[in-house]
Amino acid sequence: MEKFRKLVSDKLFKVIGSEAEAMNTKAWVIGGFVRDFLIGRTSKDIDVVVIGDGIELAGRVAARLGSSVRVSIFKTYGTAMIHTPDDIEIEFVGARRESYHTDSRKPDVEPGNLEDDQNRRDFTINALAISLNKDDTGNLLDPFGGLDDLNLKILRTPLDPDITFSDDPLRMMRAVRFASQLGFHIHPDTFDAIGRNIHRLKIVSKERITDELNKILLSVKPSIGIDLMDQCGLLQMVLPEFVALKGAEYIDGRGHKDNYRHTLEVLDKAASASDDLWLRWAALLHDIAKPVTKKFDQKTGWTFHGHEVVGARMVTQIFKRLKLPLNEKMKFVEKLVALHLRPIALVEEGVTDSAIRRLLFDAGDEIDQLMTLCGADITSRNPAKIKRYRDNFDLVTKRIAEVEESDKLRNWQPPVTGALIMKTFGIKPSRMVGDLKTIIRDAILDCRINNTYSDAVKLMLSEGEKMGLTVMEEPGPNSEE
């Protein structure tokens, strides 16, 4: 096909082909790069399969491309990676055949031919290969009908799907990920095989599973992947807490919404507003504690009191289990889950300057992401209810902007520090220091004193006196006032 010949006429591929010829061997571009090229998707990751020594070919190609090209060699796996200055990564691997043991997804590997290499691929659309060889440059090798599957948007395994998934169970997660990323359908035989082999996922490391889950969440419409995981049983294996959200329970004719469907809608809305993976995690987990906090009261109906607090604690447990980062990323998700009810609740409590100040103080730099999550959390099948919620949300958003502009409270800290308190009263770090800081902070946030050093010092002295503290050194003036 002409477009393949045009592709491989690129300098990069011509160099690979000529160096393979000089080695008296053969090479093909294979896998995801070919797939993405055919569907018009940009890709900078190129896989080259070689009959023979892929490491040697990588070294020769790098030398031809220039001194700025870096080569990484992985002798254990018999592969090498070239990194070009324009962020293209080319992996060279010798053609191989694989055999698996039941207790590991790491295969025994031995040299093979192109057919062996294509047989070991996960899906037909990833088994497509384009020749870089002089005698058939640009020819497409498609032994499993991958081109037809690509046109029909179907994901299907090259060989028996039960063997494919049992050998390497991570391929089940990859099937869902490709379906979510590319908008493809999983062939019924392939999908049924996932259901029969989900138990095999136990031999896969949490890190590899979570990497695929993150890629699903980064899809344009991540609900597709999450729902597919649920339908085939993978979700119960990976995130059973989310499966527990399913269903709407009724007592005396009063029911609550299906929090599983609601959360998927929130997730998609958050994804349409932001590419931030951790905001998407917050959307996925914002109601995660509703099943464990659900109660029915004859007067009030269904309640989920404290689900935001319990949910924030569950974030830590889930992140630990899935080997997600236990750093500021986790704390960000915890914070958004803990605060996701606050903005809309302000309408019922009263959108006062004091309430807005407290929200700004508690949210800090995450206020914008919190408001994005809260906006996505407005879902209903009732247009009138949606309008009311949206109007309330817009009111809170407007008041936040006004108060933030006037008070500059994002990441604000009270003007009186713990060090000044200890120096003034001649005391060591203690609960009293923390109590005084809290009193001053709350007084400013509640608008009982001005957000100034002088007012804060006056309150510190008066409250210190009430606590029985003696002034040992008068606090000096603040040069900024």
Protein backbone atom coordinates (compact mmCIF):
# COMPACT_ATOMS: atom_id res chain seq x y z
CA MET A 1 0.00 0.00 0.00
CA GLU A 2 1.30 3.41 -1.01
CA LYS A 3 0.79 5.07 2.38
CA PHE A 4 2.98 2.43 4.05
CA ARG A 5 5.74 2.94 1.51
CA LYS A 6 5.52 6.68 2.11
CA LEU A 7 5.75 6.09 5.86
CA VAL A 8 8.87 3.94 5.68
CA SER A 9 10.55 6.38 3.29
CA ASP A 10 11.04 8.62 6.32
CA LYS A 11 14.76 9.02 7.14
CA LEU A 12 14.42 7.18 10.44
CA PHE A 13 12.93 4.05 8.90
CA LYS A 14 15.30 4.15 5.94
CA VAL A 15 18.25 4.12 8.36
CA ILE A 16 16.79 1.16 10.26
CA GLY A 17 16.18 -0.74 7.02
CA SER A 18 19.64 -0.07 5.59
CA GLU A 19 21.41 -1.03 8.83
CA ALA A 20 19.37 -4.26 9.04
CA GLU A 21 20.40 -5.02 5.47
CA ALA A 22 24.04 -4.34 6.35
CA MET A 23 23.69 -6.89 9.16
CA ASN A 24 22.17 -9.34 6.65
CA THR A 25 18.99 -9.50 8.72
CA LYS A 26 15.38 -8.30 8.49
CA ALA A 27 13.35 -5.79 10.48
CA TRP A 28 9.72 -4.68 10.71
CA VAL A 29 7.83 -1.88 12.46
CA ILE A 30 5.19 -3.64 14.52
CA GLY A 31 2.44 -3.09 17.08
CA GLY A 32 1.01 0.11 18.46
CA PHE A 33 2.80 2.51 16.14
CA VAL A 34 1.35 0.77 13.07
CA ARG A 35 -2.10 0.68 14.66
CA ASP A 36 -2.00 4.36 15.56
CA PHE A 37 -0.67 5.33 12.14
CA LEU A 38 -3.62 3.58 10.51
CA ILE A 39 -6.22 5.31 12.67
CA GLY A 40 -4.56 8.73 12.50
CA ARG A 41 -3.42 8.75 16.11
CA THR A 42 -0.12 10.41 17.00
CA SER A 43 2.49 8.09 18.46
CA LYS A 44 6.14 8.60 19.34
CA ASP A 45 6.69 5.04 20.56
CA ILE A 46 8.01 2.74 17.82
CA ASP A 47 8.59 -1.00 18.17
CA VAL A 48 10.98 -2.68 15.74
CA VAL A 49 11.20 -6.46 15.64
CA VAL A 50 14.41 -7.93 14.26
CA ILE A 51 15.37 -11.42 13.13
CA GLY A 52 18.47 -11.72 15.25
CA ASP A 53 20.26 -9.19 17.45
CA GLY A 54 18.04 -6.21 18.23
CA ILE A 55 20.67 -4.66 20.51
CA GLU A 56 23.28 -4.60 17.76
CA LEU A 57 20.82 -3.04 15.30
CA ALA A 58 19.90 -0.37 17.86
CA GLY A 59 23.55 0.55 18.32
CA ARG A 60 24.18 0.83 14.58
CA VAL A 61 21.03 2.93 14.05
CA ALA A 62 21.95 5.26 16.92
CA ALA A 63 25.41 5.77 15.48
CA ARG A 64 23.91 6.70 12.12
CA LEU A 65 21.42 9.12 13.66
CA GLY A 66 24.08 11.16 15.48
CA SER A 67 25.76 11.75 18.82
CA SER A 68 22.66 13.35 20.39
CA VAL A 69 20.77 10.04 20.24
CA ARG A 70 20.85 8.02 23.47
CA VAL A 71 20.74 4.22 23.67
CA SER A 72 19.52 2.22 26.66
CA ILE A 73 20.34 -1.49 26.65
CA PHE A 74 18.41 -4.14 28.59
CA LYS A 75 20.50 -7.29 28.22
CA THR A 76 18.22 -9.37 30.44
CA TYR A 77 15.38 -8.92 27.98
CA GLY A 78 17.52 -8.73 24.86
CA THR A 79 16.15 -5.30 23.97
CA ALA A 80 17.48 -1.80 23.41
CA MET A 81 15.80 1.60 23.37
CA ILE A 82 16.81 4.64 21.33
CA HIS A 83 15.76 8.10 22.54
CA THR A 84 15.92 10.82 19.89
CA PRO A 85 16.11 14.58 20.63
CA ASP A 86 12.53 15.04 19.39
CA ASP A 87 11.20 12.61 22.05
CA ILE A 88 10.78 9.60 19.79
CA GLU A 89 11.47 6.27 21.48
CA ILE A 90 12.35 3.24 19.34
CA GLU A 91 12.53 -0.17 20.98
CA PHE A 92 14.46 -2.92 19.18
CA VAL A 93 13.77 -6.53 20.07
CA GLY A 94 14.74 -9.80 18.48
CA ALA A 95 11.82 -11.85 17.14
CA ARG A 96 10.93 -14.47 19.73
CA ARG A 97 8.54 -17.16 20.77
CA GLU A 98 7.26 -17.38 24.34
CA SER A 99 6.02 -20.07 26.72
CA TYR A 100 4.41 -19.41 30.09
CA HIS A 101 4.18 -21.01 33.52
CA THR A 102 0.84 -20.96 35.37
CA ASP A 103 2.24 -19.02 38.34
CA SER A 104 3.87 -16.17 36.40
CA ARG A 105 3.17 -13.77 33.55
CA LYS A 106 6.91 -13.66 32.78
CA PRO A 107 7.51 -16.04 29.87
CA ASP A 108 10.39 -18.26 28.91
CA VAL A 109 11.76 -16.72 25.72
CA GLU A 110 13.68 -18.19 22.80
CA PRO A 111 14.58 -16.79 19.39
CA GLY A 112 11.88 -17.07 16.75
CA ASN A 113 10.69 -15.70 13.44
CA LEU A 114 8.23 -12.94 12.58
CA GLU A 115 5.28 -15.36 12.70
CA ASP A 116 6.24 -16.41 16.24
CA ASP A 117 6.45 -12.76 17.26
CA GLN A 118 3.06 -11.91 15.80
CA ASN A 119 1.50 -14.96 17.48
CA ARG A 120 2.54 -13.68 20.92
CA ARG A 121 0.84 -10.28 20.46
CA ASP A 122 -2.16 -9.42 22.61
CA PHE A 123 -4.64 -8.31 19.92
CA THR A 124 -4.91 -8.58 16.17
CA ILE A 125 -4.69 -4.80 15.79
CA ASN A 126 -1.33 -4.92 17.58
CA ALA A 127 0.05 -7.73 15.42
CA LEU A 128 0.25 -5.61 12.26
CA ALA A 129 3.77 -5.26 10.87
CA ILE A 130 5.28 -3.11 8.10
CA SER A 131 8.41 -4.31 6.36
CA LEU A 132 11.56 -2.17 6.38
CA ASN A 133 13.39 -4.64 4.14
CA LYS A 134 14.70 -3.86 0.67
CA ASP A 135 12.81 -6.62 -1.16
CA ASP A 136 9.33 -5.74 0.21
CA THR A 137 9.63 -2.28 1.76
CA GLY A 138 6.28 -0.93 2.97
CA ASN A 139 4.41 -4.25 2.74
CA LEU A 140 1.86 -4.86 5.48
CA LEU A 141 1.94 -8.27 7.14
CA ASP A 142 -1.46 -8.99 8.66
CA PRO A 143 -1.86 -12.72 9.44
CA PHE A 144 -4.88 -12.34 11.75
CA GLY A 145 -7.09 -9.82 9.93
CA GLY A 146 -6.04 -6.97 12.18
CA LEU A 147 -6.70 -4.40 9.46
CA ASP A 148 -10.32 -5.53 9.17
CA ASP A 149 -10.66 -5.46 12.97
CA LEU A 150 -9.19 -1.95 12.98
CA ASN A 151 -11.75 -0.78 10.44
CA LEU A 152 -14.58 -2.48 12.36
CA LYS A 153 -13.23 -1.16 15.69
CA ILE A 154 -13.01 -4.64 17.19
CA LEU A 155 -10.56 -5.96 19.78
CA ARG A 156 -9.83 -9.65 19.29
CA THR A 157 -6.94 -11.89 20.32
CA PRO A 158 -4.80 -13.45 17.56
CA LEU A 159 -4.97 -16.92 19.14
CA ASP A 160 -7.37 -18.65 21.55
CA PRO A 161 -8.36 -15.87 24.01
CA ASP A 162 -8.36 -18.27 26.98
CA ILE A 163 -4.72 -19.08 26.31
CA THR A 164 -3.83 -15.45 25.58
CA PHE A 165 -5.34 -14.20 28.87
CA SER A 166 -4.22 -17.13 31.00
CA ASP A 167 -0.64 -16.72 29.76
CA ASP A 168 -0.54 -12.98 30.49
CA PRO A 169 -3.58 -11.83 32.53
CA LEU A 170 -2.59 -8.16 32.24
CA ARG A 171 -3.87 -8.39 28.66
CA MET A 172 -7.41 -8.41 30.10
CA MET A 173 -6.84 -4.97 31.58
CA ARG A 174 -5.25 -3.88 28.30
CA ALA A 175 -8.34 -5.02 26.39
CA VAL A 176 -10.51 -2.75 28.52
CA ARG A 177 -7.99 0.07 28.28
CA PHE A 178 -7.84 -0.06 24.47
CA ALA A 179 -11.63 -0.21 24.29
CA SER A 180 -11.83 2.86 26.50
CA GLN A 181 -9.03 4.81 24.81
CA LEU A 182 -9.90 4.00 21.21
CA GLY A 183 -13.68 3.61 21.41
CA PHE A 184 -13.43 -0.01 20.22
CA HIS A 185 -15.67 -2.99 21.04
CA ILE A 186 -14.27 -6.17 22.56
CA HIS A 187 -15.23 -9.19 20.45
CA PRO A 188 -17.80 -11.34 22.33
CA ASP A 189 -15.54 -14.42 22.38
CA THR A 190 -12.66 -12.31 23.72
CA PHE A 191 -14.89 -10.60 26.29
CA ASP A 192 -16.32 -13.91 27.54
CA ALA A 193 -12.78 -15.24 27.94
CA ILE A 194 -11.95 -12.32 30.24
CA GLY A 195 -14.79 -13.38 32.52
CA ARG A 196 -13.46 -16.94 32.59
CA ASN A 197 -9.92 -15.85 33.45
CA ILE A 198 -10.31 -12.97 35.90
CA HIS A 199 -8.89 -15.15 38.71
CA ARG A 200 -5.57 -15.13 36.83
CA LEU A 201 -5.20 -11.41 37.58
CA LYS A 202 -3.92 -12.45 41.01
CA ILE A 203 -0.49 -13.24 39.55
CA VAL A 204 -0.09 -9.69 38.17
CA SER A 205 1.61 -7.04 40.29
CA LYS A 206 -0.56 -4.27 41.70
CA GLU A 207 1.68 -1.70 40.03
CA ARG A 208 1.00 -3.09 36.54
CA ILE A 209 -2.75 -3.32 37.16
CA THR A 210 -2.87 0.22 38.51
CA ASP A 211 -0.88 1.53 35.54
CA GLU A 212 -3.60 0.19 33.22
CA LEU A 213 -6.33 1.56 35.50
CA ASN A 214 -4.73 5.01 35.37
CA LYS A 215 -4.67 4.86 31.58
CA ILE A 216 -8.38 3.96 31.60
CA LEU A 217 -9.08 6.95 33.85
CA LEU A 218 -7.15 9.18 31.43
CA SER A 219 -9.44 8.16 28.54
CA VAL A 220 -11.66 10.81 26.99
CA LYS A 221 -14.68 9.02 28.49
CA PRO A 222 -13.31 6.88 31.34
CA SER A 223 -16.73 5.51 32.32
CA ILE A 224 -16.54 3.20 29.29
CA GLY A 225 -13.55 1.38 30.72
CA ILE A 226 -14.82 1.29 34.31
CA ASP A 227 -18.18 -0.10 33.16
CA LEU A 228 -16.49 -2.73 30.99
CA MET A 229 -14.37 -3.77 33.97
CA ASP A 230 -17.57 -4.21 35.94
CA GLN A 231 -19.34 -6.20 33.24
CA CYS A 232 -16.53 -8.75 32.91
CA GLY A 233 -15.72 -8.99 36.64
CA LEU A 234 -12.38 -7.18 36.68
CA LEU A 235 -13.73 -4.29 38.75
CA GLN A 236 -14.65 -6.63 41.61
CA MET A 237 -11.06 -7.89 41.57
CA VAL A 238 -9.45 -4.44 41.43
CA LEU A 239 -11.82 -2.01 43.17
CA PRO A 240 -14.61 -3.88 45.01
CA GLU A 241 -15.53 -0.73 46.94
CA PHE A 242 -16.73 0.81 43.70
CA VAL A 243 -18.87 -2.19 42.80
CA ALA A 244 -20.59 -1.75 46.19
CA LEU A 245 -21.99 1.58 44.93
CA LYS A 246 -24.29 -0.23 42.49
CA GLY A 247 -28.05 -0.24 42.79
CA ALA A 248 -30.86 1.88 44.19
CA GLU A 249 -32.53 0.52 47.33
CA TYR A 250 -36.19 1.26 48.18
CA ILE A 251 -38.02 1.18 51.51
CA ASP A 252 -41.65 2.31 51.81
CA GLY A 253 -41.50 3.56 48.25
CA ARG A 254 -38.55 5.86 49.00
CA GLY A 255 -35.29 5.17 47.22
CA HIS A 256 -31.89 6.71 46.67
CA LYS A 257 -30.14 7.12 43.34
CA ASP A 258 -27.79 4.50 41.92
CA ASN A 259 -24.49 5.90 43.17
CA TYR A 260 -22.53 3.73 40.74
CA ARG A 261 -24.18 5.35 37.70
CA HIS A 262 -24.05 8.77 39.34
CA THR A 263 -20.31 8.44 39.98
CA LEU A 264 -19.60 7.38 36.40
CA GLU A 265 -21.45 10.48 35.21
CA VAL A 266 -19.46 12.67 37.61
CA LEU A 267 -16.23 11.03 36.42
CA ASP A 268 -16.98 11.76 32.76
CA LYS A 269 -17.95 15.36 33.52
CA ALA A 270 -14.75 15.90 35.50
CA ALA A 271 -12.75 14.29 32.69
CA SER A 272 -14.31 16.64 30.13
CA ALA A 273 -13.23 19.59 32.28
CA SER A 274 -9.68 18.49 33.16
CA ASP A 275 -6.89 16.12 32.12
CA ASP A 276 -5.69 15.88 35.74
CA LEU A 277 -5.46 12.18 36.67
CA TRP A 278 -5.78 12.89 40.39
CA LEU A 279 -8.89 15.02 39.94
CA ARG A 280 -10.35 12.04 38.07
CA TRP A 281 -9.42 9.78 40.99
CA ALA A 282 -11.20 12.21 43.32
CA ALA A 283 -14.28 12.05 41.08
CA LEU A 284 -14.13 8.24 41.08
CA LEU A 285 -13.89 8.05 44.88
CA HIS A 286 -15.94 11.07 45.99
CA ASP A 287 -18.92 8.94 47.10
CA ILE A 288 -16.99 5.74 47.80
CA ALA A 289 -18.15 5.61 51.44
CA LYS A 290 -21.89 5.88 50.71
CA PRO A 291 -22.49 2.11 50.99
CA VAL A 292 -20.92 1.96 54.47
CA THR A 293 -22.67 5.12 55.75
CA LYS A 294 -26.11 4.45 54.24
CA LYS A 295 -29.05 4.52 56.66
CA PHE A 296 -32.81 4.80 56.37
CA ASP A 297 -34.85 6.97 58.69
CA GLN A 298 -38.66 7.07 58.60
CA LYS A 299 -38.64 10.85 58.88
CA THR A 300 -35.74 11.86 56.64
CA GLY A 301 -35.49 8.87 54.32
CA TRP A 302 -32.07 7.76 53.07
CA THR A 303 -28.99 9.43 54.52
CA PHE A 304 -25.24 9.08 54.01
CA HIS A 305 -24.07 11.20 56.93
CA GLY A 306 -20.31 11.58 57.14
CA HIS A 307 -19.61 9.77 53.88
CA GLU A 308 -17.16 12.49 52.90
CA VAL A 309 -15.12 11.98 56.10
CA VAL A 310 -15.20 8.18 55.92
CA GLY A 311 -14.49 8.38 52.19
CA ALA A 312 -11.34 10.45 52.75
CA ARG A 313 -10.08 7.71 55.10
CA MET A 314 -10.92 5.04 52.52
CA VAL A 315 -8.79 6.89 49.95
CA THR A 316 -5.70 6.06 52.01
CA GLN A 317 -6.64 2.38 52.24
CA ILE A 318 -7.35 2.13 48.49
CA PHE A 319 -4.17 3.96 47.49
CA LYS A 320 -2.08 1.66 49.71
CA ARG A 321 -3.68 -1.48 48.30
CA LEU A 322 -3.31 -0.39 44.68
CA LYS A 323 0.28 0.83 45.19
CA LEU A 324 -0.70 4.36 44.19
CA PRO A 325 1.57 7.19 45.42
CA LEU A 326 1.21 7.86 49.15
CA ASN A 327 2.35 11.46 48.80
CA GLU A 328 0.81 14.82 47.92
CA LYS A 329 -1.21 13.12 45.14
CA MET A 330 -3.03 10.99 47.70
CA LYS A 331 -3.46 13.97 50.02
CA PHE A 332 -4.98 15.93 47.12
CA VAL A 333 -7.55 13.18 46.50
CA GLU A 334 -8.25 12.88 50.24
CA LYS A 335 -8.83 16.63 50.50
CA LEU A 336 -11.23 16.79 47.56
CA VAL A 337 -13.22 13.80 48.81
CA ALA A 338 -13.40 15.34 52.30
CA LEU A 339 -14.50 18.77 51.00
CA HIS A 340 -16.72 17.86 48.04
CA LEU A 341 -19.97 18.66 49.87
CA ARG A 342 -18.86 22.01 51.27
CA PRO A 343 -19.45 24.44 48.37
CA ILE A 344 -23.08 23.48 47.73
CA ALA A 345 -23.76 23.12 51.48
CA LEU A 346 -22.89 26.82 51.82
CA VAL A 347 -26.16 27.70 50.10
CA GLU A 348 -28.17 26.02 52.85
CA GLU A 349 -25.95 27.37 55.63
CA GLY A 350 -25.77 30.87 54.16
CA VAL A 351 -23.16 32.15 51.76
CA THR A 352 -21.51 34.45 54.28
CA ASP A 353 -18.04 35.94 54.00
CA SER A 354 -17.07 33.86 57.02
CA ALA A 355 -18.18 30.58 55.41
CA ILE A 356 -16.43 31.43 52.15
CA ARG A 357 -13.27 32.37 54.02
CA ARG A 358 -13.26 29.02 55.81
CA LEU A 359 -13.74 27.15 52.54
CA LEU A 360 -10.88 29.07 50.92
CA PHE A 361 -8.65 28.42 53.92
CA ASP A 362 -9.44 24.69 54.04
CA ALA A 363 -9.18 24.15 50.26
CA GLY A 364 -6.07 26.29 49.72
CA ASP A 365 -4.53 25.85 46.28
CA GLU A 366 -7.01 23.07 45.49
CA ILE A 367 -10.06 25.37 45.46
CA ASP A 368 -10.26 25.42 41.65
CA GLN A 369 -10.10 21.63 41.34
CA LEU A 370 -12.61 21.31 44.18
CA MET A 371 -15.06 23.56 42.36
CA THR A 372 -14.54 21.54 39.17
CA LEU A 373 -15.41 18.36 41.09
CA CYS A 374 -18.43 19.98 42.71
CA GLY A 375 -19.69 21.23 39.36
CA ALA A 376 -19.36 17.70 37.95
CA ASP A 377 -21.22 16.35 41.00
CA ILE A 378 -24.42 18.11 39.93
CA THR A 379 -26.39 15.30 38.27
CA SER A 380 -30.11 14.62 38.07
CA ARG A 381 -32.75 13.43 35.65
CA ASN A 382 -34.93 16.35 36.80
CA PRO A 383 -34.20 19.54 34.77
CA ALA A 384 -35.72 21.80 37.42
CA LYS A 385 -33.50 20.28 40.11
CA ILE A 386 -30.42 20.62 37.89
CA LYS A 387 -31.22 24.32 37.31
CA ARG A 388 -31.62 24.94 41.03
CA TYR A 389 -28.36 23.18 41.88
CA ARG A 390 -26.55 24.95 39.05
CA ASP A 391 -27.85 28.37 40.14
CA ASN A 392 -26.71 27.68 43.70
CA PHE A 393 -23.32 26.51 42.49
CA ASP A 394 -22.91 29.62 40.34
CA LEU A 395 -23.78 31.79 43.35
CA VAL A 396 -21.10 30.12 45.49
CA THR A 397 -18.55 30.39 42.66
CA LYS A 398 -19.25 34.11 42.34
CA ARG A 399 -18.95 34.72 46.08
CA ILE A 400 -15.67 32.74 46.25
CA ALA A 401 -14.19 34.95 43.54
CA GLU A 402 -15.34 38.11 45.35
CA VAL A 403 -14.03 37.11 48.77
CA GLU A 404 -10.76 35.77 47.37
CA GLU A 405 -10.18 39.01 45.49
CA SER A 406 -10.77 41.14 48.59
CA ASP A 407 -9.11 38.94 51.24
CA LYS A 408 -6.37 37.06 49.33
CA LEU A 409 -6.99 33.98 51.43
CA ARG A 410 -5.65 31.27 49.16
CA ASN A 411 -2.88 29.50 51.14
CA TRP A 412 -3.31 32.19 53.79
CA GLN A 413 -1.67 31.88 57.19
CA PRO A 414 -2.59 33.97 60.25
CA PRO A 415 -0.33 37.01 60.78
CA VAL A 416 0.73 35.77 64.26
CA THR A 417 3.05 32.76 64.18
CA GLY A 418 3.74 30.09 66.77
CA ALA A 419 7.28 31.44 67.10
CA LEU A 420 5.95 34.90 68.05
CA ILE A 421 3.55 33.39 70.61
CA MET A 422 6.37 31.43 72.29
CA LYS A 423 8.70 34.44 72.29
CA THR A 424 6.04 36.79 73.70
CA PHE A 425 5.03 34.54 76.58
CA GLY A 426 8.35 32.76 77.08
CA ILE A 427 6.85 29.32 76.60
CA LYS A 428 7.99 26.18 74.76
CA PRO A 429 6.07 24.35 72.01
CA SER A 430 2.87 23.16 73.62
CA ARG A 431 -0.87 22.75 73.18
CA MET A 432 -1.32 26.35 74.39
CA VAL A 433 0.58 27.63 71.35
CA GLY A 434 -1.70 25.68 69.02
CA ASP A 435 -4.82 26.82 70.89
CA LEU A 436 -3.82 30.48 70.59
CA LYS A 437 -3.09 30.10 66.87
CA THR A 438 -6.50 28.48 66.36
CA ILE A 439 -8.31 31.24 68.30
CA ILE A 440 -6.64 33.94 66.19
CA ARG A 441 -7.25 32.07 62.92
CA ASP A 442 -10.93 31.49 63.70
CA ALA A 443 -11.45 35.09 64.75
CA ILE A 444 -10.11 36.31 61.41
CA LEU A 445 -12.02 33.72 59.36
CA ASP A 446 -15.24 34.57 61.24
CA CYS A 447 -14.67 38.27 60.59
CA ARG A 448 -14.54 39.08 64.34
CA ILE A 449 -11.20 40.85 63.90
CA ASN A 450 -9.46 42.26 60.85
CA ASN A 451 -6.87 40.24 59.02
CA THR A 452 -4.03 42.44 60.32
CA TYR A 453 -0.98 41.90 62.48
CA SER A 454 -2.00 44.54 65.02
CA ASP A 455 -5.50 43.09 65.57
CA ALA A 456 -4.10 39.56 65.79
CA VAL A 457 -1.50 40.62 68.39
CA LYS A 458 -4.16 42.35 70.51
CA LEU A 459 -6.24 39.17 70.52
CA MET A 460 -3.15 37.05 71.28
CA LEU A 461 -2.35 39.17 74.34
CA SER A 462 -5.90 39.19 75.68
CA GLU A 463 -6.43 35.46 75.15
CA GLY A 464 -2.99 34.68 76.60
CA GLU A 465 -3.93 36.60 79.72
CA LYS A 466 -7.13 34.50 80.04
CA MET A 467 -4.95 31.39 79.91
CA GLY A 468 -2.80 32.72 82.76
CA LEU A 469 0.21 33.53 80.57
CA THR A 470 2.56 36.40 81.36
CA VAL A 471 4.07 38.64 78.71
CA MET A 472 7.84 38.15 78.80
CA GLU A 473 8.68 40.24 75.74
CA GLU A 474 6.42 42.77 74.06
CA PRO A 475 5.82 41.88 70.40
CA GLY A 476 7.32 44.46 68.05
CA PRO A 477 5.47 46.20 65.22
CA ASN A 478 5.00 44.52 61.84
CA SER A 479 6.98 46.33 59.18
CA GLU A 480 4.33 45.51 56.57
CA GLU A 481 1.61 47.49 58.40
